[in-house]
Amino acid sequence: MRVRIPSPLRSYTKAHEVDADGATLAELVADLDRRYPGIRFRMVDEQDALRPHIRFFVNGEQVRDLTIALEPSDEVHIVQALSGG
């Protein structure tokens, strides 16, 4: 499936869109990490929870649950909030 990558994570993928596979969002993130080592840690913390500044949208709907089922035709957008002072 097509995955849109936010600018701060493009240093891993070198592209704004990539292909990845997974029956769940967790499997998709694991596949992204296999293809682009280190990217998972930027999105998921040590307790396997999404980091607070990361948002996933599947077919335009925000999801926070890594166990959500995905279809090969789904479109996934990863959004990273910017912060600072």
N, C-alpha and C. Protein backbone atom coordinates (compact mmCIF):
# COMPACT_ATOMS: atom_id res chain seq x y z
N MET A 1 0.84 -1.18 0.00
CA MET A 1 0.00 0.00 0.00
C MET A 1 0.88 1.23 0.00
N ARG A 2 0.30 2.34 -0.41
CA ARG A 2 1.04 3.61 -0.46
C ARG A 2 1.03 4.27 0.91
N VAL A 3 2.21 4.75 1.30
CA VAL A 3 2.36 5.43 2.58
C VAL A 3 3.01 6.78 2.31
N ARG A 4 2.36 7.84 2.75
CA ARG A 4 2.93 9.19 2.63
C ARG A 4 3.78 9.48 3.86
N ILE A 5 4.98 9.98 3.61
CA ILE A 5 5.97 10.20 4.66
C ILE A 5 6.12 11.70 4.91
N PRO A 6 6.09 12.13 6.19
CA PRO A 6 6.28 13.56 6.47
C PRO A 6 7.74 13.98 6.27
N SER A 7 7.94 15.25 6.04
CA SER A 7 9.29 15.78 5.78
C SER A 7 10.33 15.35 6.81
N PRO A 8 10.03 15.42 8.13
CA PRO A 8 11.06 15.06 9.11
C PRO A 8 11.53 13.60 9.03
N LEU A 9 10.75 12.72 8.42
CA LEU A 9 11.14 11.31 8.32
C LEU A 9 11.70 10.94 6.95
N ARG A 10 11.75 11.88 6.04
CA ARG A 10 12.23 11.58 4.69
C ARG A 10 13.73 11.33 4.63
N SER A 11 14.44 11.67 5.70
CA SER A 11 15.87 11.34 5.73
C SER A 11 16.05 9.82 5.73
N TYR A 12 15.03 9.08 6.18
CA TYR A 12 15.07 7.62 6.16
C TYR A 12 14.68 7.08 4.79
N THR A 13 13.62 7.62 4.21
CA THR A 13 13.04 7.04 2.99
C THR A 13 13.54 7.67 1.70
N LYS A 14 14.02 8.90 1.77
CA LYS A 14 14.45 9.66 0.58
C LYS A 14 13.30 9.87 -0.41
N ALA A 15 12.05 9.75 0.06
CA ALA A 15 10.88 9.92 -0.81
C ALA A 15 9.69 10.36 0.03
N HIS A 16 8.75 11.05 -0.62
CA HIS A 16 7.55 11.49 0.10
C HIS A 16 6.46 10.42 0.11
N GLU A 17 6.58 9.42 -0.75
CA GLU A 17 5.67 8.28 -0.76
C GLU A 17 6.48 7.01 -0.95
N VAL A 18 6.08 5.98 -0.20
CA VAL A 18 6.75 4.68 -0.32
C VAL A 18 5.69 3.59 -0.31
N ASP A 19 6.08 2.40 -0.69
CA ASP A 19 5.22 1.22 -0.60
C ASP A 19 5.61 0.44 0.64
N ALA A 20 4.61 -0.13 1.31
CA ALA A 20 4.85 -0.99 2.47
C ALA A 20 3.69 -1.97 2.58
N ASP A 21 3.92 -3.05 3.33
CA ASP A 21 2.91 -4.10 3.50
C ASP A 21 2.63 -4.30 4.97
N GLY A 22 1.43 -4.78 5.25
CA GLY A 22 1.05 -5.15 6.61
C GLY A 22 -0.44 -5.33 6.74
N ALA A 23 -0.82 -6.35 7.50
CA ALA A 23 -2.24 -6.60 7.74
C ALA A 23 -2.78 -5.69 8.84
N THR A 24 -1.86 -5.12 9.66
CA THR A 24 -2.24 -4.18 10.71
C THR A 24 -1.29 -2.98 10.61
N LEU A 25 -1.62 -1.92 11.33
CA LEU A 25 -0.75 -0.76 11.35
C LEU A 25 0.60 -1.11 11.97
N ALA A 26 0.61 -1.96 13.00
CA ALA A 26 1.87 -2.40 13.61
C ALA A 26 2.74 -3.14 12.61
N GLU A 27 2.14 -4.01 11.79
CA GLU A 27 2.89 -4.74 10.78
C GLU A 27 3.41 -3.79 9.70
N LEU A 28 2.62 -2.79 9.35
CA LEU A 28 3.05 -1.80 8.37
C LEU A 28 4.27 -1.03 8.88
N VAL A 29 4.22 -0.60 10.15
CA VAL A 29 5.35 0.12 10.75
C VAL A 29 6.58 -0.79 10.79
N ALA A 30 6.39 -2.07 11.13
CA ALA A 30 7.51 -3.02 11.15
C ALA A 30 8.10 -3.19 9.75
N ASP A 31 7.24 -3.24 8.72
CA ASP A 31 7.73 -3.36 7.35
C ASP A 31 8.49 -2.10 6.94
N LEU A 32 7.98 -0.94 7.32
CA LEU A 32 8.72 0.30 7.04
C LEU A 32 10.10 0.26 7.69
N ASP A 33 10.18 -0.26 8.91
CA ASP A 33 11.46 -0.32 9.61
C ASP A 33 12.41 -1.32 8.97
N ARG A 34 11.89 -2.39 8.40
CA ARG A 34 12.74 -3.34 7.67
C ARG A 34 13.33 -2.68 6.42
N ARG A 35 12.49 -1.90 5.75
CA ARG A 35 12.94 -1.23 4.52
C ARG A 35 13.79 0.00 4.81
N TYR A 36 13.47 0.69 5.91
CA TYR A 36 14.14 1.95 6.27
C TYR A 36 14.52 1.88 7.75
N PRO A 37 15.62 1.18 8.06
CA PRO A 37 16.00 0.94 9.46
C PRO A 37 16.06 2.23 10.29
N GLY A 38 15.45 2.15 11.48
CA GLY A 38 15.45 3.26 12.41
C GLY A 38 14.20 4.11 12.39
N ILE A 39 13.38 3.99 11.34
CA ILE A 39 12.20 4.85 11.22
C ILE A 39 11.15 4.52 12.29
N ARG A 40 11.04 3.27 12.67
CA ARG A 40 10.03 2.88 13.68
C ARG A 40 10.23 3.62 14.99
N PHE A 41 11.48 3.71 15.44
CA PHE A 41 11.77 4.35 16.71
C PHE A 41 11.33 5.82 16.73
N ARG A 42 11.30 6.45 15.58
CA ARG A 42 10.85 7.84 15.50
C ARG A 42 9.33 7.96 15.61
N MET A 43 8.62 6.85 15.42
CA MET A 43 7.16 6.87 15.45
C MET A 43 6.55 6.15 16.64
N VAL A 44 7.24 5.12 17.14
CA VAL A 44 6.72 4.27 18.20
C VAL A 44 7.73 4.23 19.34
N ASP A 45 7.23 4.37 20.60
CA ASP A 45 8.16 4.40 21.74
C ASP A 45 8.47 2.99 22.24
N GLU A 46 9.21 2.93 23.34
CA GLU A 46 9.67 1.65 23.91
C GLU A 46 8.53 0.80 24.45
N GLN A 47 7.38 1.40 24.71
CA GLN A 47 6.20 0.66 25.20
C GLN A 47 5.25 0.30 24.06
N ASP A 48 5.72 0.40 22.84
CA ASP A 48 4.93 0.11 21.64
C ASP A 48 3.71 0.99 21.51
N ALA A 49 3.81 2.24 21.95
CA ALA A 49 2.75 3.22 21.79
C ALA A 49 3.22 4.28 20.79
N LEU A 50 2.28 4.83 20.05
CA LEU A 50 2.64 5.90 19.12
C LEU A 50 3.17 7.10 19.90
N ARG A 51 4.21 7.69 19.40
CA ARG A 51 4.76 8.89 20.03
C ARG A 51 3.73 10.01 19.93
N PRO A 52 3.70 10.92 20.92
CA PRO A 52 2.66 11.96 20.96
C PRO A 52 2.64 12.88 19.75
N HIS A 53 3.75 13.07 19.09
CA HIS A 53 3.81 14.00 17.96
C HIS A 53 3.53 13.33 16.62
N ILE A 54 3.22 12.04 16.62
CA ILE A 54 2.97 11.29 15.38
C ILE A 54 1.47 11.00 15.26
N ARG A 55 0.95 11.21 14.07
CA ARG A 55 -0.44 10.87 13.77
C ARG A 55 -0.46 10.00 12.51
N PHE A 56 -1.30 8.99 12.54
CA PHE A 56 -1.53 8.14 11.37
C PHE A 56 -2.96 8.37 10.89
N PHE A 57 -3.11 8.51 9.59
CA PHE A 57 -4.42 8.61 8.96
C PHE A 57 -4.53 7.49 7.95
N VAL A 58 -5.59 6.71 8.06
CA VAL A 58 -5.87 5.63 7.12
C VAL A 58 -7.11 6.01 6.35
N ASN A 59 -6.96 6.20 5.05
CA ASN A 59 -8.06 6.63 4.19
C ASN A 59 -8.73 7.90 4.73
N GLY A 60 -7.91 8.81 5.26
CA GLY A 60 -8.40 10.09 5.74
C GLY A 60 -8.90 10.10 7.17
N GLU A 61 -8.94 8.96 7.84
CA GLU A 61 -9.42 8.86 9.22
C GLU A 61 -8.23 8.68 10.16
N GLN A 62 -8.17 9.53 11.20
CA GLN A 62 -7.07 9.40 12.16
C GLN A 62 -7.23 8.12 12.98
N VAL A 63 -6.13 7.40 13.17
CA VAL A 63 -6.12 6.18 13.98
C VAL A 63 -4.98 6.27 15.00
N ARG A 64 -5.21 5.76 16.20
CA ARG A 64 -4.18 5.75 17.24
C ARG A 64 -3.87 4.32 17.70
N ASP A 65 -4.56 3.36 17.14
CA ASP A 65 -4.43 1.97 17.56
C ASP A 65 -3.58 1.20 16.55
N LEU A 66 -2.43 0.69 16.99
CA LEU A 66 -1.54 -0.04 16.09
C LEU A 66 -2.12 -1.38 15.64
N THR A 67 -3.19 -1.85 16.29
CA THR A 67 -3.76 -3.14 15.92
C THR A 67 -4.84 -3.02 14.85
N ILE A 68 -5.11 -1.80 14.38
CA ILE A 68 -6.15 -1.62 13.36
C ILE A 68 -5.79 -2.42 12.10
N ALA A 69 -6.80 -3.08 11.53
CA ALA A 69 -6.59 -3.88 10.33
C ALA A 69 -6.47 -2.97 9.11
N LEU A 70 -5.60 -3.36 8.20
CA LEU A 70 -5.40 -2.62 6.95
C LEU A 70 -5.70 -3.50 5.76
N GLU A 71 -6.10 -2.87 4.68
CA GLU A 71 -6.32 -3.54 3.41
C GLU A 71 -5.23 -3.08 2.43
N PRO A 72 -4.85 -3.91 1.47
CA PRO A 72 -3.81 -3.51 0.51
C PRO A 72 -4.16 -2.24 -0.27
N SER A 73 -5.44 -1.93 -0.40
CA SER A 73 -5.85 -0.73 -1.14
C SER A 73 -5.87 0.53 -0.28
N ASP A 74 -5.62 0.40 1.02
CA ASP A 74 -5.65 1.57 1.92
C ASP A 74 -4.54 2.55 1.59
N GLU A 75 -4.79 3.80 1.92
CA GLU A 75 -3.78 4.85 1.80
C GLU A 75 -3.49 5.35 3.21
N VAL A 76 -2.21 5.34 3.57
CA VAL A 76 -1.79 5.71 4.91
C VAL A 76 -0.96 6.99 4.82
N HIS A 77 -1.32 7.95 5.65
CA HIS A 77 -0.56 9.20 5.76
C HIS A 77 0.01 9.27 7.16
N ILE A 78 1.29 9.54 7.24
CA ILE A 78 1.93 9.76 8.53
C ILE A 78 2.15 11.26 8.65
N VAL A 79 1.71 11.82 9.75
CA VAL A 79 1.85 13.26 9.99
C VAL A 79 2.65 13.44 11.28
N GLN A 80 3.64 14.31 11.21
CA GLN A 80 4.46 14.60 12.38
C GLN A 80 4.28 16.05 12.76
N ALA A 81 3.81 16.28 13.98
CA ALA A 81 3.62 17.65 14.47
C ALA A 81 4.97 18.29 14.72
N LEU A 82 5.05 19.56 14.48
CA LEU A 82 6.26 20.33 14.78
C LEU A 82 6.07 21.02 16.11
N SER A 83 7.12 21.10 16.89
CA SER A 83 7.04 21.77 18.17
C SER A 83 8.32 22.54 18.43
N GLY A 84 8.27 23.33 19.41
CA GLY A 84 9.46 24.10 19.75
C GLY A 84 9.06 25.42 20.38
N GLY A 85 10.04 26.22 20.71
CA GLY A 85 9.71 27.44 21.41
C GLY A 85 10.14 28.67 20.74
